[in-house]
PDB file of N, CA and C in Angstrom:
ATOM      1  N   MET A   1       4.316  32.782  -0.550  1.00  0.00           N
ATOM      2  CA  MET A   1       4.002  31.182   0.053  1.00  0.00           C
ATOM      3  C   MET A   1       3.616  30.375  -1.145  1.00  0.00           C
ATOM      4  N   ALA A   2       3.815  29.487  -1.493  1.00  0.00           N
ATOM      5  CA  ALA A   2       3.315  28.697  -2.099  1.00  0.00           C
ATOM      6  C   ALA A   2       1.811  27.688  -2.051  1.00  0.00           C
ATOM      7  N   LYS A   3       1.206  27.517  -2.559  1.00  0.00           N
ATOM      8  CA  LYS A   3      -0.389  27.055  -2.647  1.00  0.00           C
ATOM      9  C   LYS A   3      -0.494  25.580  -2.304  1.00  0.00           C
ATOM     10  N   LYS A   4      -0.786  25.038  -1.175  1.00  0.00           N
ATOM     11  CA  LYS A   4      -0.639  23.575  -0.801  1.00  0.00           C
ATOM     12  C   LYS A   4      -1.702  22.706  -1.281  1.00  0.00           C
ATOM     13  N   THR A   5      -1.585  21.517  -2.376  1.00  0.00           N
ATOM     14  CA  THR A   5      -2.780  21.028  -3.308  1.00  0.00           C
ATOM     15  C   THR A   5      -2.986  19.410  -2.349  1.00  0.00           C
ATOM     16  N   GLU A   6      -3.768  18.939  -2.375  1.00  0.00           N
ATOM     17  CA  GLU A   6      -4.017  17.743  -1.609  1.00  0.00           C
ATOM     18  C   GLU A   6      -4.010  16.636  -2.907  1.00  0.00           C
ATOM     19  N   ALA A   7      -3.124  15.733  -2.732  1.00  0.00           N
ATOM     20  CA  ALA A   7      -3.231  14.543  -3.753  1.00  0.00           C
ATOM     21  C   ALA A   7      -3.670  13.459  -3.281  1.00  0.00           C
ATOM     22  N   ARG A   8      -3.877  13.561  -1.914  1.00  0.00           N
ATOM     23  CA  ARG A   8      -4.250  12.149  -1.731  1.00  0.00           C
ATOM     24  C   ARG A   8      -5.734  12.698  -1.103  1.00  0.00           C
ATOM     25  N   GLY A   9      -6.662  11.446  -1.460  1.00  0.00           N
ATOM     26  CA  GLY A   9      -8.203  12.169  -1.264  1.00  0.00           C
ATOM     27  C   GLY A   9      -8.647  10.530  -0.529  1.00  0.00           C
ATOM     28  N   ILE A  10      -9.675  10.506   0.636  1.00  0.00           N
ATOM     29  CA  ILE A  10     -10.446   9.936   0.657  1.00  0.00           C
ATOM     30  C   ILE A  10     -11.368   9.125   0.096  1.00  0.00           C
ATOM     31  N   ILE A  11     -11.220   7.740  -0.164  1.00  0.00           N
ATOM     32  CA  ILE A  11     -12.317   7.066  -1.139  1.00  0.00           C
ATOM     33  C   ILE A  11     -12.918   6.171  -0.202  1.00  0.00           C
ATOM     34  N   TYR A  12     -14.386   5.633  -1.072  1.00  0.00           N
ATOM     35  CA  TYR A  12     -14.780   4.582  -0.284  1.00  0.00           C
ATOM     36  C   TYR A  12     -14.785   3.301  -1.169  1.00  0.00           C
ATOM     37  N   LEU A  13     -14.777   2.222  -0.594  1.00  0.00           N
ATOM     38  CA  LEU A  13     -14.883   0.611  -0.821  1.00  0.00           C
ATOM     39  C   LEU A  13     -16.323   0.223  -0.800  1.00  0.00           C
ATOM     40  N   SER A  14     -16.626  -0.069  -1.857  1.00  0.00           N
ATOM     41  CA  SER A  14     -17.908  -1.064  -1.789  1.00  0.00           C
ATOM     42  C   SER A  14     -18.046  -2.518  -2.555  1.00  0.00           C
ATOM     43  N   CYS A  15     -18.450  -3.214  -1.870  1.00  0.00           N
ATOM     44  CA  CYS A  15     -18.670  -4.722  -2.442  1.00  0.00           C
ATOM     45  C   CYS A  15     -19.036  -4.997  -3.629  1.00  0.00           C
ATOM     46  N   THR A  16     -19.136  -5.349  -4.361  1.00  0.00           N
ATOM     47  CA  THR A  16     -19.423  -5.955  -6.188  1.00  0.00           C
ATOM     48  C   THR A  16     -20.556  -6.619  -6.113  1.00  0.00           C
ATOM     49  N   GLU A  17     -20.762  -7.258  -5.058  1.00  0.00           N
ATOM     50  CA  GLU A  17     -22.122  -8.375  -4.880  1.00  0.00           C
ATOM     51  C   GLU A  17     -23.342  -7.285  -4.142  1.00  0.00           C
ATOM     52  N   CYS A  18     -22.935  -6.965  -3.147  1.00  0.00           N
ATOM     53  CA  CYS A  18     -24.140  -6.308  -2.539  1.00  0.00           C
ATOM     54  C   CYS A  18     -24.316  -4.748  -2.870  1.00  0.00           C
ATOM     55  N   GLY A  19     -23.127  -4.126  -2.686  1.00  0.00           N
ATOM     56  CA  GLY A  19     -23.320  -2.893  -3.031  1.00  0.00           C
ATOM     57  C   GLY A  19     -23.224  -1.932  -1.591  1.00  0.00           C
ATOM     58  N   GLU A  20     -22.799  -2.914  -0.593  1.00  0.00           N
ATOM     59  CA  GLU A  20     -22.464  -2.265   0.739  1.00  0.00           C
ATOM     60  C   GLU A  20     -21.381  -1.752   0.509  1.00  0.00           C
ATOM     61  N   ARG A  21     -20.720   0.176   1.629  1.00  0.00           N
ATOM     62  CA  ARG A  21     -19.807   0.157   1.942  1.00  0.00           C
ATOM     63  C   ARG A  21     -19.433   0.383   2.927  1.00  0.00           C
ATOM     64  N   ASN A  22     -18.676  -0.905   2.821  1.00  0.00           N
ATOM     65  CA  ASN A  22     -17.607  -1.226   4.313  1.00  0.00           C
ATOM     66  C   ASN A  22     -16.433  -0.769   4.534  1.00  0.00           C
ATOM     67  N   TYR A  23     -15.848  -0.044   3.815  1.00  0.00           N
ATOM     68  CA  TYR A  23     -14.435   0.339   3.977  1.00  0.00           C
ATOM     69  C   TYR A  23     -14.182   1.900   3.767  1.00  0.00           C
ATOM     70  N   THR A  24     -13.277   2.914   4.385  1.00  0.00           N
ATOM     71  CA  THR A  24     -12.606   3.938   3.538  1.00  0.00           C
ATOM     72  C   THR A  24     -11.281   3.793   3.808  1.00  0.00           C
ATOM     73  N   THR A  25     -10.327   4.421   2.566  1.00  0.00           N
ATOM     74  CA  THR A  25      -9.347   4.457   2.630  1.00  0.00           C
ATOM     75  C   THR A  25      -8.719   5.412   2.286  1.00  0.00           C
ATOM     76  N   SER A  26      -7.369   6.155   1.783  1.00  0.00           N
ATOM     77  CA  SER A  26      -7.346   6.920   1.035  1.00  0.00           C
ATOM     78  C   SER A  26      -5.847   6.295  -0.239  1.00  0.00           C
ATOM     79  N   LYS A  27      -5.821   7.557  -0.944  1.00  0.00           N
ATOM     80  CA  LYS A  27      -4.881   7.143  -2.524  1.00  0.00           C
ATOM     81  C   LYS A  27      -4.632   7.984  -2.642  1.00  0.00           C
ATOM     82  N   ASN A  28      -2.704   8.141  -3.356  1.00  0.00           N
ATOM     83  CA  ASN A  28      -2.656   9.571  -4.089  1.00  0.00           C
ATOM     84  C   ASN A  28      -3.438   9.391  -5.354  1.00  0.00           C
ATOM     85  N   ARG A  29      -4.021  10.463  -5.883  1.00  0.00           N
ATOM     86  CA  ARG A  29      -4.956  10.409  -7.083  1.00  0.00           C
ATOM     87  C   ARG A  29      -3.945  10.867  -8.429  1.00  0.00           C
ATOM     88  N   LYS A  30      -2.719  11.476  -8.019  1.00  0.00           N
ATOM     89  CA  LYS A  30      -1.924  11.663  -8.884  1.00  0.00           C
ATOM     90  C   LYS A  30      -0.983  10.614  -9.821  1.00  0.00           C
ATOM     91  N   ASN A  31      -0.657   9.703  -8.534  1.00  0.00           N
ATOM     92  CA  ASN A  31       0.166   8.091  -9.069  1.00  0.00           C
ATOM     93  C   ASN A  31      -1.045   7.143  -9.829  1.00  0.00           C
ATOM     94  N   ASP A  32      -2.110   7.580  -9.248  1.00  0.00           N
ATOM     95  CA  ASP A  32      -3.459   6.383  -9.321  1.00  0.00           C
ATOM     96  C   ASP A  32      -4.370   6.883  -9.790  1.00  0.00           C
ATOM     97  N   PRO A  33      -4.431   7.108 -11.112  1.00  0.00           N
ATOM     98  CA  PRO A  33      -5.584   7.816 -11.663  1.00  0.00           C
ATOM     99  C   PRO A  33      -6.787   6.745 -11.635  1.00  0.00           C
ATOM    100  N   GLN A  34      -6.642   5.717 -11.979  1.00  0.00           N
ATOM    101  CA  GLN A  34      -7.603   4.327 -12.334  1.00  0.00           C
ATOM    102  C   GLN A  34      -8.029   4.019 -10.724  1.00  0.00           C
ATOM    103  N   ARG A  35      -9.372   3.233 -10.891  1.00  0.00           N
ATOM    104  CA  ARG A  35     -10.306   3.011  -9.738  1.00  0.00           C
ATOM    105  C   ARG A  35      -9.772   1.724  -8.976  1.00  0.00           C
ATOM    106  N   LEU A  36      -9.144   1.649  -7.489  1.00  0.00           N
ATOM    107  CA  LEU A  36      -8.928   0.709  -7.026  1.00  0.00           C
ATOM    108  C   LEU A  36     -10.024  -0.741  -7.049  1.00  0.00           C
ATOM    109  N   GLU A  37      -9.330  -1.532  -6.717  1.00  0.00           N
ATOM    110  CA  GLU A  37      -9.993  -2.873  -6.596  1.00  0.00           C
ATOM    111  C   GLU A  37      -9.142  -3.659  -5.895  1.00  0.00           C
ATOM    112  N   LEU A  38      -9.793  -4.121  -4.509  1.00  0.00           N
ATOM    113  CA  LEU A  38      -9.127  -4.929  -3.254  1.00  0.00           C
ATOM    114  C   LEU A  38     -10.001  -6.111  -2.778  1.00  0.00           C
ATOM    115  N   THR A  39      -9.640  -7.300  -2.685  1.00  0.00           N
ATOM    116  CA  THR A  39     -10.382  -8.221  -1.944  1.00  0.00           C
ATOM    117  C   THR A  39     -10.391  -7.988  -0.397  1.00  0.00           C
ATOM    118  N   LYS A  40     -11.741  -7.773  -0.448  1.00  0.00           N
ATOM    119  CA  LYS A  40     -11.688  -7.800   1.378  1.00  0.00           C
ATOM    120  C   LYS A  40     -13.027  -8.274   1.656  1.00  0.00           C
ATOM    121  N   TYR A  41     -13.127  -8.556   3.331  1.00  0.00           N
ATOM    122  CA  TYR A  41     -14.288  -8.959   3.979  1.00  0.00           C
ATOM    123  C   TYR A  41     -15.546  -8.085   3.900  1.00  0.00           C
ATOM    124  N   CYS A  42     -16.570  -9.114   3.506  1.00  0.00           N
ATOM    125  CA  CYS A  42     -17.793  -8.191   3.632  1.00  0.00           C
ATOM    126  C   CYS A  42     -18.687  -8.805   4.517  1.00  0.00           C
ATOM    127  N   CYS A  43     -19.217  -8.123   5.458  1.00  0.00           N
ATOM    128  CA  CYS A  43     -19.797  -8.096   6.711  1.00  0.00           C
ATOM    129  C   CYS A  43     -21.320  -8.827   6.507  1.00  0.00           C
ATOM    130  N   ARG A  44     -21.818  -8.278   5.350  1.00  0.00           N
ATOM    131  CA  ARG A  44     -23.131  -8.389   4.823  1.00  0.00           C
ATOM    132  C   ARG A  44     -23.223  -9.570   4.107  1.00  0.00           C
ATOM    133  N   CYS A  45     -22.139 -10.389   3.340  1.00  0.00           N
ATOM    134  CA  CYS A  45     -22.256 -11.216   2.174  1.00  0.00           C
ATOM    135  C   CYS A  45     -21.656 -12.230   3.361  1.00  0.00           C
ATOM    136  N   ARG A  46     -20.700 -11.871   4.572  1.00  0.00           N
ATOM    137  CA  ARG A  46     -19.723 -13.119   5.129  1.00  0.00           C
ATOM    138  C   ARG A  46     -19.094 -13.569   4.680  1.00  0.00           C
ATOM    139  N   ILE A  47     -18.182 -13.103   3.288  1.00  0.00           N
ATOM    140  CA  ILE A  47     -17.615 -13.840   2.827  1.00  0.00           C
ATOM    141  C   ILE A  47     -16.566 -13.206   1.608  1.00  0.00           C
ATOM    142  N   HIS A  48     -15.414 -13.211   1.541  1.00  0.00           N
ATOM    143  CA  HIS A  48     -14.351 -12.355   1.401  1.00  0.00           C
ATOM    144  C   HIS A  48     -14.800 -11.907  -0.516  1.00  0.00           C
ATOM    145  N   ARG A  49     -14.888 -10.724  -0.766  1.00  0.00           N
ATOM    146  CA  ARG A  49     -15.560 -10.425  -2.144  1.00  0.00           C
ATOM    147  C   ARG A  49     -14.940  -9.322  -2.539  1.00  0.00           C
ATOM    148  N   VAL A  50     -14.496  -9.171  -3.838  1.00  0.00           N
ATOM    149  CA  VAL A  50     -13.906  -7.999  -4.590  1.00  0.00           C
ATOM    150  C   VAL A  50     -14.637  -6.525  -4.127  1.00  0.00           C
ATOM    151  N   HIS A  51     -13.947  -5.758  -3.483  1.00  0.00           N
ATOM    152  CA  HIS A  51     -14.460  -4.223  -3.560  1.00  0.00           C
ATOM    153  C   HIS A  51     -13.806  -3.396  -4.265  1.00  0.00           C
ATOM    154  N   LYS A  52     -14.929  -2.718  -4.971  1.00  0.00           N
ATOM    155  CA  LYS A  52     -14.232  -1.378  -5.920  1.00  0.00           C
ATOM    156  C   LYS A  52     -14.757  -0.028  -5.152  1.00  0.00           C
ATOM    157  N   GLU A  53     -13.551   0.736  -5.836  1.00  0.00           N
ATOM    158  CA  GLU A  53     -13.868   2.090  -5.324  1.00  0.00           C
ATOM    159  C   GLU A  53     -14.560   3.120  -5.577  1.00  0.00           C
ATOM    160  N   THR A  54     -15.763   3.601  -4.947  1.00  0.00           N
ATOM    161  CA  THR A  54     -16.451   4.355  -5.131  1.00  0.00           C
ATOM    162  C   THR A  54     -16.664   5.870  -5.043  1.00  0.00           C
ATOM    163  N   LYS A  55     -16.976   6.802  -5.532  1.00  0.00           N
ATOM    164  CA  LYS A  55     -17.430   8.178  -5.293  1.00  0.00           C
ATOM    165  C   LYS A  55     -17.778   8.695  -3.767  1.00  0.00           C
TER     166      LYS A  55
END
């Protein structure tokens, strides 16, 4: 039987201004090797800011 490998992994998104980790999501690391950047709402800053992928 073949060994199953996990291509999708859980990643954390943190605010670029305050650095707080607000969101978790998953992505396929084989198809998207670069870091993810999304515009999300930051509850500490109380405004929409760019959130980047962290480890």
